[in-house]
Structure formats: C-alpha cells, structure tokens
C-alpha cells in the first residue's frame, strides 16, 4: 500500500515537473508577445506624440501586464530620477532584475544603446529593429512551442513511469 502510494506520488511529481516546463515555454511566448506590443506602442509614442522617454516608458507600463509592466515601470522611475548617465545603463540595470529570457534581454539591451543618445530617426530605427528581432524570436518560439510542450509533458510522464518501474 505504501509502495503504491509512493509510486503514485513519484508519477504525479514527474508529470508535474513536465507540466511546469511546458508552462514555462508558454509563458515565454506570452512575454515575447507583450514585449512586441510594447515596442509597437513605444514606436507610436516616439514618432507621433514625441513623448519624452520617461513618460513613454510609463505609458508602456500602463499598456502592459506582469513582468513587462514592472520592467517598464522601473524604467520610467529610473529615467525620471536620472541617476545614471545613459538610457543604456538604466536599461542594463533593470534587465538584470527582470525575468526575461536571455534573447529578450539582449534585444532590449541593444535597444537601450540606441535610445536617448541620438536623434529621433535613429531612435525610431532602433525601436523598429527591436520590433523586428522580437517578431523573429516570437515566430521561432511559436514554431517550436507545440512540439516542446508535448515533449516536456511526455518526458515528465515517461520519467515518472521509469522510476515507478524501477521502484516496483
């Protein structure tokens, strides 16, 4: 009886681990979609309204959710205080505290290098480039999402079954 309960617990734990890995893939794609939407909004704020960066970052925070909103809120606060000399330094500091994927961090850091230092056209090109790279990354992630989620779930169940068989 105890052995059976232990095996069931191992099975559930392994399946849960596989499910949590699948959920991480899904959340990563949601984050990329939110960042892409934020870049589109930033492009609009800079090109049409000519909004200063601290206010634009605040608008991005209000137009986003979760980790993306928290990141842009921190950016708006730090840009308003302007304790650092450049947007790139502020961006790097806030990216280190974020839960973004390494690819998203790299894209946003490159964006930070182009914001606040050059003329408006150069900044808009940097935002457009970030949009393009985020879209490419999102397309890659979407293409792999179904297979990866299925693989993680299957791997979790199979690992649990293997352990159960060995324990039996």
C-alpha atoms as a PDB file:
ATOM      1  CA  UNK A   1       0.000   0.000   0.000  1.00  0.00           C
ATOM      2  CA  UNK A   2       2.755   2.467   0.953  1.00  0.00           C
ATOM      3  CA  UNK A   3       4.793   1.413  -2.033  1.00  0.00           C
ATOM      4  CA  UNK A   4       1.859   2.063  -4.374  1.00  0.00           C
ATOM      5  CA  UNK A   5       1.236   5.476  -2.835  1.00  0.00           C
ATOM      6  CA  UNK A   6       4.929   6.318  -3.180  1.00  0.00           C
ATOM      7  CA  UNK A   7       4.923   5.295  -6.830  1.00  0.00           C
ATOM      8  CA  UNK A   8       1.819   7.398  -7.461  1.00  0.00           C
ATOM      9  CA  UNK A   9       3.483  10.371  -5.805  1.00  0.00           C
ATOM     10  CA  UNK A  10       6.583   9.915  -7.989  1.00  0.00           C
ATOM     11  CA  UNK A  11       4.390   9.708 -11.099  1.00  0.00           C
ATOM     12  CA  UNK A  12       2.491  12.847 -10.167  1.00  0.00           C
ATOM     13  CA  UNK A  13       5.687  14.695  -9.299  1.00  0.00           C
ATOM     14  CA  UNK A  14       7.353  13.794 -12.580  1.00  0.00           C
ATOM     15  CA  UNK A  15       4.234  14.688 -14.570  1.00  0.00           C
ATOM     16  CA  UNK A  16       4.020  17.976 -12.665  1.00  0.00           C
ATOM     17  CA  UNK A  17       7.638  18.750 -13.477  1.00  0.00           C
ATOM     18  CA  UNK A  18       6.988  18.133 -17.169  1.00  0.00           C
ATOM     19  CA  UNK A  19       3.883  20.301 -16.976  1.00  0.00           C
ATOM     20  CA  UNK A  20       5.762  23.138 -15.290  1.00  0.00           C
ATOM     21  CA  UNK A  21       8.418  23.038 -18.006  1.00  0.00           C
ATOM     22  CA  UNK A  22       5.670  23.201 -20.636  1.00  0.00           C
ATOM     23  CA  UNK A  23       4.110  26.144 -18.803  1.00  0.00           C
ATOM     24  CA  UNK A  24       7.463  27.947 -18.853  1.00  0.00           C
ATOM     25  CA  UNK A  25       7.544  27.636 -22.661  1.00  0.00           C
ATOM     26  CA  UNK A  26       4.037  29.063 -22.900  1.00  0.00           C
ATOM     27  CA  UNK A  27       4.876  31.961 -20.543  1.00  0.00           C
ATOM     28  CA  UNK A  28       7.986  32.767 -22.541  1.00  0.00           C
ATOM     29  CA  UNK A  29       5.866  33.182 -25.667  1.00  0.00           C
ATOM     30  CA  UNK A  30       3.365  35.371 -23.813  1.00  0.00           C
ATOM     31  CA  UNK A  31       6.232  37.557 -22.612  1.00  0.00           C
ATOM     32  CA  UNK A  32       7.568  37.926 -26.158  1.00  0.00           C
ATOM     33  CA  UNK A  33       4.106  38.943 -27.399  1.00  0.00           C
ATOM     34  CA  UNK A  34       3.826  41.541 -24.639  1.00  0.00           C
ATOM     35  CA  UNK A  35       7.281  42.933 -25.406  1.00  0.00           C
ATOM     36  CA  UNK A  36       6.431  43.146 -29.095  1.00  0.00           C
ATOM     37  CA  UNK A  37       3.214  45.040 -28.308  1.00  0.00           C
ATOM     38  CA  UNK A  38       5.210  47.365 -26.039  1.00  0.00           C
ATOM     39  CA  UNK A  39       7.710  48.080 -28.827  1.00  0.00           C
ATOM     40  CA  UNK A  40       4.854  48.939 -31.199  1.00  0.00           C
ATOM     41  CA  UNK A  41       3.452  51.322 -28.591  1.00  0.00           C
ATOM     42  CA  UNK A  42       6.901  52.842 -27.992  1.00  0.00           C
ATOM     43  CA  UNK A  43       7.290  53.428 -31.723  1.00  0.00           C
ATOM     44  CA  UNK A  44       3.931  55.214 -31.775  1.00  0.00           C
ATOM     45  CA  UNK A  45       4.703  57.269 -28.679  1.00  0.00           C
ATOM     46  CA  UNK A  46       8.031  58.445 -30.061  1.00  0.00           C
ATOM     47  CA  UNK A  47       7.009  59.037 -33.662  1.00  0.00           C
ATOM     48  CA  UNK A  48       3.528  60.542 -33.358  1.00  0.00           C
ATOM     49  CA  UNK A  49       3.312  62.062 -29.904  1.00  0.00           C
ATOM     50  CA  UNK A  50       7.055  62.730 -29.481  1.00  0.00           C
ATOM     51  CA  UNK A  51       6.728  61.682 -25.860  1.00  0.00           C
ATOM     52  CA  UNK A  52       9.826  62.030 -23.635  1.00  0.00           C
ATOM     53  CA  UNK A  53      11.321  58.667 -22.684  1.00  0.00           C
ATOM     54  CA  UNK A  54      10.281  58.627 -19.006  1.00  0.00           C
ATOM     55  CA  UNK A  55       6.668  59.307 -19.959  1.00  0.00           C
ATOM     56  CA  UNK A  56       6.826  56.829 -22.852  1.00  0.00           C
ATOM     57  CA  UNK A  57       8.113  54.118 -20.513  1.00  0.00           C
ATOM     58  CA  UNK A  58       5.280  54.922 -18.104  1.00  0.00           C
ATOM     59  CA  UNK A  59       2.802  54.551 -20.972  1.00  0.00           C
ATOM     60  CA  UNK A  60       4.363  51.174 -21.806  1.00  0.00           C
ATOM     61  CA  UNK A  61       3.981  50.102 -18.176  1.00  0.00           C
ATOM     62  CA  UNK A  62       0.301  51.037 -18.193  1.00  0.00           C
ATOM     63  CA  UNK A  63      -0.218  49.241 -21.509  1.00  0.00           C
ATOM     64  CA  UNK A  64       1.425  46.013 -20.318  1.00  0.00           C
ATOM     65  CA  UNK A  65       0.946  43.365 -17.656  1.00  0.00           C
ATOM     66  CA  UNK A  66       3.034  41.372 -15.210  1.00  0.00           C
ATOM     67  CA  UNK A  67       6.802  41.327 -15.590  1.00  0.00           C
ATOM     68  CA  UNK A  68       6.728  43.554 -18.668  1.00  0.00           C
ATOM     69  CA  UNK A  69       4.719  46.229 -16.849  1.00  0.00           C
ATOM     70  CA  UNK A  70       7.016  46.043 -13.817  1.00  0.00           C
ATOM     71  CA  UNK A  71      10.090  46.393 -16.049  1.00  0.00           C
ATOM     72  CA  UNK A  72       8.795  49.471 -17.854  1.00  0.00           C
ATOM     73  CA  UNK A  73       7.571  50.997 -14.586  1.00  0.00           C
ATOM     74  CA  UNK A  74      11.086  50.641 -13.161  1.00  0.00           C
ATOM     75  CA  UNK A  75      12.497  52.126 -16.367  1.00  0.00           C
ATOM     76  CA  UNK A  76      10.142  55.121 -16.117  1.00  0.00           C
ATOM     77  CA  UNK A  77      11.069  55.692 -12.472  1.00  0.00           C
ATOM     78  CA  UNK A  78      14.814  55.426 -13.099  1.00  0.00           C
ATOM     79  CA  UNK A  79      14.672  57.640 -16.195  1.00  0.00           C
ATOM     80  CA  UNK A  80      12.743  60.274 -14.262  1.00  0.00           C
ATOM     81  CA  UNK A  81      15.305  60.227 -11.441  1.00  0.00           C
ATOM     82  CA  UNK A  82      18.146  60.130 -13.987  1.00  0.00           C
ATOM     83  CA  UNK A  83      20.790  58.969 -11.514  1.00  0.00           C
ATOM     84  CA  UNK A  84      22.573  57.130 -14.308  1.00  0.00           C
ATOM     85  CA  UNK A  85      24.021  58.976 -17.270  1.00  0.00           C
ATOM     86  CA  UNK A  86      22.592  56.954 -20.120  1.00  0.00           C
ATOM     87  CA  UNK A  87      19.487  55.011 -21.024  1.00  0.00           C
ATOM     88  CA  UNK A  88      21.724  52.025 -21.793  1.00  0.00           C
ATOM     89  CA  UNK A  89      22.986  51.879 -18.195  1.00  0.00           C
ATOM     90  CA  UNK A  90      19.465  52.202 -16.798  1.00  0.00           C
ATOM     91  CA  UNK A  91      18.220  49.536 -19.213  1.00  0.00           C
ATOM     92  CA  UNK A  92      21.051  47.171 -18.267  1.00  0.00           C
ATOM     93  CA  UNK A  93      20.376  47.630 -14.548  1.00  0.00           C
ATOM     94  CA  UNK A  94      16.660  46.913 -14.930  1.00  0.00           C
ATOM     95  CA  UNK A  95      17.206  43.991 -17.301  1.00  0.00           C
ATOM     96  CA  UNK A  96      19.399  42.292 -14.696  1.00  0.00           C
ATOM     97  CA  UNK A  97      16.444  42.371 -12.301  1.00  0.00           C
ATOM     98  CA  UNK A  98      13.926  41.171 -14.887  1.00  0.00           C
ATOM     99  CA  UNK A  99      12.704  37.635 -15.524  1.00  0.00           C
ATOM    100  CA  UNK A 100      13.058  37.991 -19.301  1.00  0.00           C
ATOM    101  CA  UNK A 101      14.693  35.339 -21.461  1.00  0.00           C
ATOM    102  CA  UNK A 102      18.347  35.905 -22.416  1.00  0.00           C
ATOM    103  CA  UNK A 103      17.321  36.604 -26.030  1.00  0.00           C
ATOM    104  CA  UNK A 104      14.775  39.233 -24.965  1.00  0.00           C
ATOM    105  CA  UNK A 105      17.339  40.830 -22.650  1.00  0.00           C
ATOM    106  CA  UNK A 106      19.854  41.028 -25.471  1.00  0.00           C
ATOM    107  CA  UNK A 107      17.318  42.651 -27.816  1.00  0.00           C
ATOM    108  CA  UNK A 108      16.241  45.188 -25.196  1.00  0.00           C
ATOM    109  CA  UNK A 109      19.842  45.999 -24.275  1.00  0.00           C
ATOM    110  CA  UNK A 110      20.590  46.754 -27.912  1.00  0.00           C
ATOM    111  CA  UNK A 111      17.505  48.978 -27.937  1.00  0.00           C
ATOM    112  CA  UNK A 112      18.749  50.753 -24.803  1.00  0.00           C
ATOM    113  CA  UNK A 113      22.018  51.506 -26.566  1.00  0.00           C
ATOM    114  CA  UNK A 114      20.103  53.479 -29.215  1.00  0.00           C
ATOM    115  CA  UNK A 115      17.589  55.318 -27.036  1.00  0.00           C
ATOM    116  CA  UNK A 116      18.192  58.774 -25.641  1.00  0.00           C
ATOM    117  CA  UNK A 117      21.526  59.324 -27.351  1.00  0.00           C
ATOM    118  CA  UNK A 118      20.709  60.062 -30.960  1.00  0.00           C
ATOM    119  CA  UNK A 119      18.135  61.960 -32.980  1.00  0.00           C
ATOM    120  CA  UNK A 120      14.530  60.807 -33.232  1.00  0.00           C
ATOM    121  CA  UNK A 121      15.002  58.989 -36.547  1.00  0.00           C
ATOM    122  CA  UNK A 122      17.856  56.910 -35.138  1.00  0.00           C
ATOM    123  CA  UNK A 123      15.818  56.076 -32.042  1.00  0.00           C
ATOM    124  CA  UNK A 124      12.860  55.031 -34.208  1.00  0.00           C
ATOM    125  CA  UNK A 125      15.168  52.799 -36.257  1.00  0.00           C
ATOM    126  CA  UNK A 126      16.410  51.198 -33.019  1.00  0.00           C
ATOM    127  CA  UNK A 127      12.811  50.565 -31.927  1.00  0.00           C
ATOM    128  CA  UNK A 128      11.948  49.132 -35.354  1.00  0.00           C
ATOM    129  CA  UNK A 129      14.967  46.851 -35.198  1.00  0.00           C
ATOM    130  CA  UNK A 130      13.925  45.651 -31.735  1.00  0.00           C
ATOM    131  CA  UNK A 131      10.400  45.011 -33.058  1.00  0.00           C
ATOM    132  CA  UNK A 132      11.804  43.024 -35.972  1.00  0.00           C
ATOM    133  CA  UNK A 133      14.060  40.920 -33.741  1.00  0.00           C
ATOM    134  CA  UNK A 134      11.297  40.266 -31.210  1.00  0.00           C
ATOM    135  CA  UNK A 135       8.957  39.226 -34.045  1.00  0.00           C
ATOM    136  CA  UNK A 136      11.604  36.841 -35.411  1.00  0.00           C
ATOM    137  CA  UNK A 137      12.149  35.350 -31.954  1.00  0.00           C
ATOM    138  CA  UNK A 138       8.380  35.025 -31.439  1.00  0.00           C
ATOM    139  CA  UNK A 139       7.973  33.291 -34.806  1.00  0.00           C
ATOM    140  CA  UNK A 140      10.728  30.822 -33.893  1.00  0.00           C
ATOM    141  CA  UNK A 141       9.190  30.201 -30.472  1.00  0.00           C
ATOM    142  CA  UNK A 142       5.708  29.663 -31.931  1.00  0.00           C
ATOM    143  CA  UNK A 143       7.077  27.172 -34.448  1.00  0.00           C
ATOM    144  CA  UNK A 144       8.696  25.168 -31.639  1.00  0.00           C
ATOM    145  CA  UNK A 145       6.004  25.657 -28.981  1.00  0.00           C
ATOM    146  CA  UNK A 146       3.673  22.744 -29.726  1.00  0.00           C
ATOM    147  CA  UNK A 147       6.490  20.220 -30.066  1.00  0.00           C
ATOM    148  CA  UNK A 148       8.316  21.390 -26.969  1.00  0.00           C
ATOM    149  CA  UNK A 149       5.206  21.419 -24.804  1.00  0.00           C
ATOM    150  CA  UNK A 150       4.235  17.931 -25.945  1.00  0.00           C
ATOM    151  CA  UNK A 151       7.807  16.701 -25.416  1.00  0.00           C
ATOM    152  CA  UNK A 152       8.061  18.106 -21.886  1.00  0.00           C
ATOM    153  CA  UNK A 153       4.735  16.613 -20.847  1.00  0.00           C
ATOM    154  CA  UNK A 154       5.620  13.235 -22.345  1.00  0.00           C
ATOM    155  CA  UNK A 155       9.093  13.312 -20.831  1.00  0.00           C
ATOM    156  CA  UNK A 156       7.671  14.021 -17.375  1.00  0.00           C
ATOM    157  CA  UNK A 157       5.214  11.123 -17.560  1.00  0.00           C
ATOM    158  CA  UNK A 158       7.813   8.730 -19.027  1.00  0.00           C
ATOM    159  CA  UNK A 159      10.383   9.640 -16.383  1.00  0.00           C
ATOM    160  CA  UNK A 160       7.778   9.001 -13.690  1.00  0.00           C
ATOM    161  CA  UNK A 161       6.890   5.642 -15.226  1.00  0.00           C
ATOM    162  CA  UNK A 162      10.554   4.654 -15.474  1.00  0.00           C
ATOM    163  CA  UNK A 163      11.136   5.462 -11.823  1.00  0.00           C
ATOM    164  CA  UNK A 164       7.926   3.617 -10.885  1.00  0.00           C
ATOM    165  CA  UNK A 165       9.035   0.511 -12.788  1.00  0.00           C
ATOM    166  CA  UNK A 166      12.466   0.599 -11.152  1.00  0.00           C
ATOM    167  CA  UNK A 167      10.911   1.057  -7.722  1.00  0.00           C
ATOM    168  CA  UNK A 168       8.417  -1.759  -8.172  1.00  0.00           C
END
